[in-house]
Amino acid sequence: MKYMMKTDIYDKERKLILRRELREYIAAANPLSGEERKELYEWVASGHSVHTNPYLLCDDSGYIMDFIEGVRVGNDMCANPSNYILGGSVSVL
């Protein structure tokens, strides 16, 4: 029973942290389209941070891209794959 209570507390704290992170991210982010905003809320609601992306895309310096940047680059990669083959500016973990 004690373990379950600690897990519940951890889950609540994690959700609070993710929501705070989301609010700060939206306040500081460039304008988001309605679809991007919806995807971002779903990403965070599923327990992920706004500072990660579903494709595990990294920038030139090797740091993982945030959600919006990752989704935008991922969508562009699908639309223009030749831009990312051999010497492109994005790497996948």
Protein backbone atom coordinates (compact mmCIF):
# COMPACT_ATOMS: atom_id res chain seq x y z
CA MET A 1 0.00 0.00 0.00
CA LYS A 2 2.81 2.42 0.88
CA TYR A 3 4.46 1.75 -2.48
CA MET A 4 1.25 2.53 -4.32
CA MET A 5 0.85 5.81 -2.43
CA LYS A 6 4.41 6.87 -3.26
CA THR A 7 3.82 6.02 -6.92
CA ASP A 8 0.62 8.08 -6.94
CA ILE A 9 2.45 11.03 -5.42
CA TYR A 10 5.26 10.68 -7.96
CA ASP A 11 2.76 10.56 -10.84
CA LYS A 12 0.94 13.67 -9.59
CA GLU A 13 4.20 15.57 -9.16
CA ARG A 14 5.39 14.53 -12.62
CA LYS A 15 2.13 15.70 -14.20
CA LEU A 16 2.42 19.05 -12.40
CA ILE A 17 5.99 19.48 -13.60
CA LEU A 18 5.04 18.60 -17.19
CA ARG A 19 2.10 21.03 -17.14
CA ARG A 20 4.31 23.82 -15.79
CA GLU A 21 6.89 23.05 -18.44
CA LEU A 22 4.15 23.17 -21.10
CA ARG A 23 2.86 26.57 -19.94
CA GLU A 24 6.38 28.03 -19.94
CA TYR A 25 7.15 26.52 -23.34
CA ILE A 26 4.00 27.89 -24.96
CA ALA A 27 4.61 31.33 -23.47
CA ALA A 28 8.17 31.39 -24.85
CA ALA A 29 7.63 29.53 -28.14
CA ASN A 30 7.14 30.98 -31.57
CA PRO A 31 3.52 31.00 -32.69
CA LEU A 32 2.10 27.49 -33.00
CA SER A 33 -0.46 26.32 -35.51
CA GLY A 34 -3.63 24.76 -34.15
CA GLU A 35 -2.43 21.30 -35.21
CA GLU A 36 0.98 21.80 -33.56
CA ARG A 37 -0.65 22.97 -30.35
CA LYS A 38 -2.97 19.93 -30.35
CA GLU A 39 -0.05 17.53 -30.96
CA LEU A 40 1.97 19.24 -28.23
CA TYR A 41 -0.82 18.89 -25.66
CA GLU A 42 -1.26 15.20 -26.59
CA TRP A 43 2.51 14.64 -26.30
CA VAL A 44 2.63 16.15 -22.82
CA ALA A 45 -0.60 14.41 -21.72
CA SER A 46 1.00 11.08 -22.63
CA GLY A 47 3.78 11.80 -20.13
CA HIS A 48 6.50 13.33 -22.30
CA SER A 49 8.46 16.53 -21.86
CA VAL A 50 8.18 19.42 -24.32
CA HIS A 51 11.97 19.25 -24.52
CA THR A 52 11.89 15.90 -26.38
CA ASN A 53 10.43 14.84 -29.71
CA PRO A 54 8.85 11.61 -30.97
CA TYR A 55 11.51 11.11 -33.66
CA LEU A 56 14.53 11.52 -31.32
CA LEU A 57 15.94 14.10 -33.73
CA CYS A 58 19.05 16.01 -32.65
CA ASP A 59 20.50 19.29 -33.85
CA ASP A 60 24.03 19.83 -35.19
CA SER A 61 25.47 19.99 -31.70
CA GLY A 62 23.98 16.62 -30.76
CA TYR A 63 21.27 17.92 -28.42
CA ILE A 64 17.79 16.52 -28.81
CA MET A 65 15.36 18.97 -30.40
CA ASP A 66 12.31 20.16 -28.52
CA PHE A 67 8.90 18.88 -29.58
CA ILE A 68 7.88 21.59 -32.04
CA GLU A 69 11.28 21.80 -33.72
CA GLY A 70 11.42 18.01 -33.97
CA VAL A 71 7.94 17.75 -35.45
CA ARG A 72 8.61 20.55 -37.94
CA VAL A 73 11.88 18.97 -39.06
CA GLY A 74 10.28 15.51 -39.14
CA ASN A 75 7.48 16.80 -41.36
CA ASP A 76 10.00 18.54 -43.61
CA MET A 77 12.06 15.34 -43.81
CA CYS A 78 9.00 13.49 -45.09
CA ALA A 79 8.22 16.22 -47.61
CA ASN A 80 11.83 16.81 -48.76
CA PRO A 81 13.95 13.73 -47.96
CA SER A 82 16.76 14.74 -50.33
CA ASN A 83 17.56 17.70 -48.07
CA TYR A 84 18.51 15.32 -45.25
CA ILE A 85 20.48 12.61 -47.04
CA LEU A 86 24.27 12.63 -46.78
CA GLY A 87 25.45 15.65 -44.87
CA GLY A 88 22.12 17.05 -43.77
CA SER A 89 21.83 19.13 -40.65
CA VAL A 90 19.87 16.63 -38.54
CA SER A 91 20.89 13.36 -36.95
CA VAL A 92 18.74 10.63 -35.45
CA LEU A 93 19.73 8.94 -32.17
